[in-house]
Amino acid sequence: MVYFGGLLALIGLGTLLFRDGDVVGLPAAAVGVVLLVIGAAAGVFGFIRKRKVRARKIAKGEPVPVGDVIERARALPRLIRAARSGAYGELPKSRMTLWVFALVYLISPIDILPDLLPVIGVTDDAGVLVWLLTSVSTAAGLYINHERKQVHPD
């Protein structure tokens, strides 16, 4: 939600700065302001929600993903090697299979909703991409948490 809000805010800001004509019959300034406000609200709501969910997981004793984006990206090859060798059993083989299917779907020219349809044609690809990035990032974060517990058991 945080990233989606940021994207909406950027689109709104771009509309405010670079769009001169009307947008779907509405003044560009009004559309830009509305997108900017909705994007900022979505970003703040997503940030607050994320903090509450993390606090709830910590209170329950559940593992939470750790690491920033770069650290998670670096951990991904280690995660895949460990999962394939069986050293890390927390990641089901079906999850990695779904990741491969998602990559194939994104690369493939065949879509459920053709890209020729304006806006709607890209949404299925965007949804798959968001799911894939979220799933991979969460799994890598949990793997980093697992690695840290192996090195420093509490």
C-alpha atoms as a PDB file:
ATOM      1  CA  MET A   1       0.000   0.000   0.000  1.00  0.00           C
ATOM      2  CA  VAL A   2       2.919   2.315   0.748  1.00  0.00           C
ATOM      3  CA  TYR A   3       4.416   1.837  -2.711  1.00  0.00           C
ATOM      4  CA  PHE A   4       1.040   2.128  -4.414  1.00  0.00           C
ATOM      5  CA  GLY A   5       0.382   5.378  -2.563  1.00  0.00           C
ATOM      6  CA  GLY A   6       3.793   6.692  -3.556  1.00  0.00           C
ATOM      7  CA  LEU A   7       3.139   5.780  -7.177  1.00  0.00           C
ATOM      8  CA  LEU A   8      -0.232   7.547  -7.144  1.00  0.00           C
ATOM      9  CA  ALA A   9       1.339  10.607  -5.538  1.00  0.00           C
ATOM     10  CA  LEU A  10       4.049  10.674  -8.214  1.00  0.00           C
ATOM     11  CA  ILE A  11       1.462  10.391 -10.972  1.00  0.00           C
ATOM     12  CA  GLY A  12      -0.512  13.226  -9.374  1.00  0.00           C
ATOM     13  CA  LEU A  13       2.599  15.378  -9.079  1.00  0.00           C
ATOM     14  CA  GLY A  14       3.519  14.642 -12.683  1.00  0.00           C
ATOM     15  CA  THR A  15       0.018  15.569 -13.782  1.00  0.00           C
ATOM     16  CA  LEU A  16       0.236  18.837 -11.870  1.00  0.00           C
ATOM     17  CA  LEU A  17       3.625  19.753 -13.288  1.00  0.00           C
ATOM     18  CA  PHE A  18       3.533  18.507 -16.869  1.00  0.00           C
ATOM     19  CA  ARG A  19      -0.077  18.233 -18.027  1.00  0.00           C
ATOM     20  CA  ASP A  20      -1.614  21.305 -19.686  1.00  0.00           C
ATOM     21  CA  GLY A  21      -4.856  19.987 -21.167  1.00  0.00           C
ATOM     22  CA  ASP A  22      -7.849  18.333 -19.597  1.00  0.00           C
ATOM     23  CA  VAL A  23      -7.747  14.761 -18.328  1.00  0.00           C
ATOM     24  CA  VAL A  24     -10.927  12.896 -19.253  1.00  0.00           C
ATOM     25  CA  GLY A  25     -12.775  16.189 -19.392  1.00  0.00           C
ATOM     26  CA  LEU A  26     -11.540  17.370 -15.994  1.00  0.00           C
ATOM     27  CA  PRO A  27      -8.952  20.084 -15.365  1.00  0.00           C
ATOM     28  CA  ALA A  28      -5.443  18.633 -15.070  1.00  0.00           C
ATOM     29  CA  ALA A  29      -4.787  20.552 -11.850  1.00  0.00           C
ATOM     30  CA  ALA A  30      -7.833  19.018 -10.151  1.00  0.00           C
ATOM     31  CA  VAL A  31      -6.913  15.493 -11.270  1.00  0.00           C
ATOM     32  CA  GLY A  32      -3.323  16.030 -10.125  1.00  0.00           C
ATOM     33  CA  VAL A  33      -4.361  17.292  -6.690  1.00  0.00           C
ATOM     34  CA  VAL A  34      -6.844  14.447  -6.194  1.00  0.00           C
ATOM     35  CA  LEU A  35      -4.252  11.829  -7.170  1.00  0.00           C
ATOM     36  CA  LEU A  36      -1.652  13.468  -4.953  1.00  0.00           C
ATOM     37  CA  VAL A  37      -3.993  13.524  -1.941  1.00  0.00           C
ATOM     38  CA  ILE A  38      -5.214   9.948  -2.485  1.00  0.00           C
ATOM     39  CA  GLY A  39      -1.639   8.749  -2.970  1.00  0.00           C
ATOM     40  CA  ALA A  40      -0.426  10.456   0.193  1.00  0.00           C
ATOM     41  CA  ALA A  41      -3.373   9.080   2.191  1.00  0.00           C
ATOM     42  CA  ALA A  42      -2.812   5.557   0.850  1.00  0.00           C
ATOM     43  CA  GLY A  43       0.895   5.778   1.659  1.00  0.00           C
ATOM     44  CA  VAL A  44       0.272   6.923   5.231  1.00  0.00           C
ATOM     45  CA  PHE A  45      -2.459   4.305   5.738  1.00  0.00           C
ATOM     46  CA  GLY A  46      -0.167   1.581   4.369  1.00  0.00           C
ATOM     47  CA  PHE A  47       2.709   2.652   6.604  1.00  0.00           C
ATOM     48  CA  ILE A  48       0.521   2.647   9.731  1.00  0.00           C
ATOM     49  CA  ARG A  49      -1.014  -0.702   8.813  1.00  0.00           C
ATOM     50  CA  LYS A  50       2.413  -2.212   8.184  1.00  0.00           C
ATOM     51  CA  ARG A  51       3.656  -1.116  11.609  1.00  0.00           C
ATOM     52  CA  LYS A  52       0.564  -2.526  13.350  1.00  0.00           C
ATOM     53  CA  VAL A  53       0.842  -5.886  11.576  1.00  0.00           C
ATOM     54  CA  ARG A  54       4.549  -6.114  12.425  1.00  0.00           C
ATOM     55  CA  ALA A  55       3.877  -5.280  16.100  1.00  0.00           C
ATOM     56  CA  ARG A  56       1.105  -7.889  16.225  1.00  0.00           C
ATOM     57  CA  LYS A  57       3.393 -10.556  14.753  1.00  0.00           C
ATOM     58  CA  ILE A  58       6.180  -9.729  17.192  1.00  0.00           C
ATOM     59  CA  ALA A  59       3.724  -9.876  20.109  1.00  0.00           C
ATOM     60  CA  LYS A  60       2.553 -13.333  18.980  1.00  0.00           C
ATOM     61  CA  GLY A  61       6.142 -14.528  18.566  1.00  0.00           C
ATOM     62  CA  GLU A  62       5.777 -15.086  14.830  1.00  0.00           C
ATOM     63  CA  PRO A  63       8.830 -14.596  12.607  1.00  0.00           C
ATOM     64  CA  VAL A  64       8.909 -11.267  10.792  1.00  0.00           C
ATOM     65  CA  PRO A  65      10.840 -10.436   7.636  1.00  0.00           C
ATOM     66  CA  VAL A  66      14.008  -8.414   8.213  1.00  0.00           C
ATOM     67  CA  GLY A  67      16.467  -6.592   5.994  1.00  0.00           C
ATOM     68  CA  ASP A  68      16.182  -3.838   3.434  1.00  0.00           C
ATOM     69  CA  VAL A  69      15.567  -4.284  -0.277  1.00  0.00           C
ATOM     70  CA  ILE A  70      19.260  -4.664  -1.172  1.00  0.00           C
ATOM     71  CA  GLU A  71      19.895  -7.176   1.594  1.00  0.00           C
ATOM     72  CA  ARG A  72      16.847  -9.198   0.559  1.00  0.00           C
ATOM     73  CA  ALA A  73      17.921  -9.170  -3.094  1.00  0.00           C
ATOM     74  CA  ARG A  74      21.360 -10.457  -2.101  1.00  0.00           C
ATOM     75  CA  ALA A  75      19.779 -13.171   0.059  1.00  0.00           C
ATOM     76  CA  LEU A  76      17.537 -14.456  -2.734  1.00  0.00           C
ATOM     77  CA  PRO A  77      20.140 -16.730  -4.406  1.00  0.00           C
ATOM     78  CA  ARG A  78      21.077 -18.177  -0.992  1.00  0.00           C
ATOM     79  CA  LEU A  79      17.391 -18.727  -0.233  1.00  0.00           C
ATOM     80  CA  ILE A  80      16.814 -20.578  -3.499  1.00  0.00           C
ATOM     81  CA  ARG A  81      19.928 -22.742  -3.040  1.00  0.00           C
ATOM     82  CA  ALA A  82      18.987 -23.593   0.554  1.00  0.00           C
ATOM     83  CA  ALA A  83      15.377 -24.360  -0.356  1.00  0.00           C
ATOM     84  CA  ARG A  84      16.361 -26.555  -3.300  1.00  0.00           C
ATOM     85  CA  SER A  85      18.910 -28.495  -1.231  1.00  0.00           C
ATOM     86  CA  GLY A  86      16.422 -28.979   1.605  1.00  0.00           C
ATOM     87  CA  ALA A  87      18.480 -27.025   4.145  1.00  0.00           C
ATOM     88  CA  TYR A  88      15.665 -24.469   4.507  1.00  0.00           C
ATOM     89  CA  GLY A  89      12.294 -26.169   4.756  1.00  0.00           C
ATOM     90  CA  GLU A  90      10.232 -23.051   5.471  1.00  0.00           C
ATOM     91  CA  LEU A  91       9.755 -22.294   1.771  1.00  0.00           C
ATOM     92  CA  PRO A  92       7.497 -24.796   0.005  1.00  0.00           C
ATOM     93  CA  LYS A  93       8.569 -26.004  -3.430  1.00  0.00           C
ATOM     94  CA  SER A  94       5.131 -24.951  -4.685  1.00  0.00           C
ATOM     95  CA  ARG A  95       5.965 -21.313  -3.862  1.00  0.00           C
ATOM     96  CA  MET A  96       9.056 -21.411  -6.060  1.00  0.00           C
ATOM     97  CA  THR A  97       7.004 -23.057  -8.799  1.00  0.00           C
ATOM     98  CA  LEU A  98       4.481 -20.216  -8.570  1.00  0.00           C
ATOM     99  CA  TRP A  99       7.354 -17.711  -8.852  1.00  0.00           C
ATOM    100  CA  VAL A 100       8.492 -19.397 -12.065  1.00  0.00           C
ATOM    101  CA  PHE A 101       4.937 -19.369 -13.453  1.00  0.00           C
ATOM    102  CA  ALA A 102       4.618 -15.670 -12.590  1.00  0.00           C
ATOM    103  CA  LEU A 103       7.896 -14.877 -14.379  1.00  0.00           C
ATOM    104  CA  VAL A 104       6.813 -16.854 -17.428  1.00  0.00           C
ATOM    105  CA  TYR A 105       3.457 -15.053 -17.434  1.00  0.00           C
ATOM    106  CA  LEU A 106       5.140 -11.658 -17.235  1.00  0.00           C
ATOM    107  CA  ILE A 107       7.588 -12.452 -20.020  1.00  0.00           C
ATOM    108  CA  SER A 108       5.093 -14.269 -22.234  1.00  0.00           C
ATOM    109  CA  PRO A 109       3.282 -12.258 -24.909  1.00  0.00           C
ATOM    110  CA  ILE A 110       0.073 -14.170 -24.102  1.00  0.00           C
ATOM    111  CA  ASP A 111      -2.071 -12.447 -21.454  1.00  0.00           C
ATOM    112  CA  ILE A 112      -5.441 -13.083 -19.848  1.00  0.00           C
ATOM    113  CA  LEU A 113      -6.315  -9.458 -20.573  1.00  0.00           C
ATOM    114  CA  PRO A 114      -4.611  -8.216 -23.765  1.00  0.00           C
ATOM    115  CA  ASP A 115      -2.288  -5.230 -23.358  1.00  0.00           C
ATOM    116  CA  LEU A 116      -4.082  -3.524 -26.243  1.00  0.00           C
ATOM    117  CA  LEU A 117      -6.966  -2.667 -23.909  1.00  0.00           C
ATOM    118  CA  PRO A 118      -6.170   0.678 -22.327  1.00  0.00           C
ATOM    119  CA  VAL A 119      -5.382   0.552 -18.593  1.00  0.00           C
ATOM    120  CA  ILE A 120      -7.177  -2.773 -18.057  1.00  0.00           C
ATOM    121  CA  GLY A 121      -4.683  -4.673 -20.213  1.00  0.00           C
ATOM    122  CA  VAL A 122      -1.774  -3.755 -17.987  1.00  0.00           C
ATOM    123  CA  THR A 123      -3.507  -4.396 -14.666  1.00  0.00           C
ATOM    124  CA  ASP A 124      -3.198  -8.183 -14.801  1.00  0.00           C
ATOM    125  CA  ASP A 125       0.538  -7.879 -15.433  1.00  0.00           C
ATOM    126  CA  ALA A 126       0.853  -5.293 -12.656  1.00  0.00           C
ATOM    127  CA  GLY A 127      -1.041  -7.520 -10.236  1.00  0.00           C
ATOM    128  CA  VAL A 128       1.159 -10.519 -10.985  1.00  0.00           C
ATOM    129  CA  LEU A 129       4.287  -8.366 -10.689  1.00  0.00           C
ATOM    130  CA  VAL A 130       3.208  -6.901  -7.334  1.00  0.00           C
ATOM    131  CA  TRP A 131       2.391 -10.377  -5.992  1.00  0.00           C
ATOM    132  CA  LEU A 132       5.713 -11.759  -7.229  1.00  0.00           C
ATOM    133  CA  LEU A 133       7.804  -8.947  -5.752  1.00  0.00           C
ATOM    134  CA  THR A 134       5.935  -9.066  -2.451  1.00  0.00           C
ATOM    135  CA  SER A 135       6.171 -12.834  -2.167  1.00  0.00           C
ATOM    136  CA  VAL A 136       9.876 -12.960  -3.054  1.00  0.00           C
ATOM    137  CA  SER A 137      10.695 -10.045  -0.745  1.00  0.00           C
ATOM    138  CA  THR A 138       8.820 -11.556   2.198  1.00  0.00           C
ATOM    139  CA  ALA A 139      10.413 -14.976   1.705  1.00  0.00           C
ATOM    140  CA  ALA A 140      13.885 -13.438   1.459  1.00  0.00           C
ATOM    141  CA  GLY A 141      13.264 -11.386   4.600  1.00  0.00           C
ATOM    142  CA  LEU A 142      12.167 -14.469   6.513  1.00  0.00           C
ATOM    143  CA  TYR A 143      15.243 -16.314   5.242  1.00  0.00           C
ATOM    144  CA  ILE A 144      17.516 -13.512   6.477  1.00  0.00           C
ATOM    145  CA  ASN A 145      15.776 -13.776   9.846  1.00  0.00           C
ATOM    146  CA  HIS A 146      16.428 -17.545   9.776  1.00  0.00           C
ATOM    147  CA  GLU A 147      20.105 -16.984   8.923  1.00  0.00           C
ATOM    148  CA  ARG A 148      20.522 -14.491  11.759  1.00  0.00           C
ATOM    149  CA  LYS A 149      18.980 -16.922  14.238  1.00  0.00           C
ATOM    150  CA  GLN A 150      21.397 -19.641  13.051  1.00  0.00           C
ATOM    151  CA  VAL A 151      24.381 -17.360  13.668  1.00  0.00           C
ATOM    152  CA  HIS A 152      23.110 -15.820  16.945  1.00  0.00           C
ATOM    153  CA  PRO A 153      20.651 -18.229  18.589  1.00  0.00           C
ATOM    154  CA  ASP A 154      18.781 -16.598  21.484  1.00  0.00           C
END
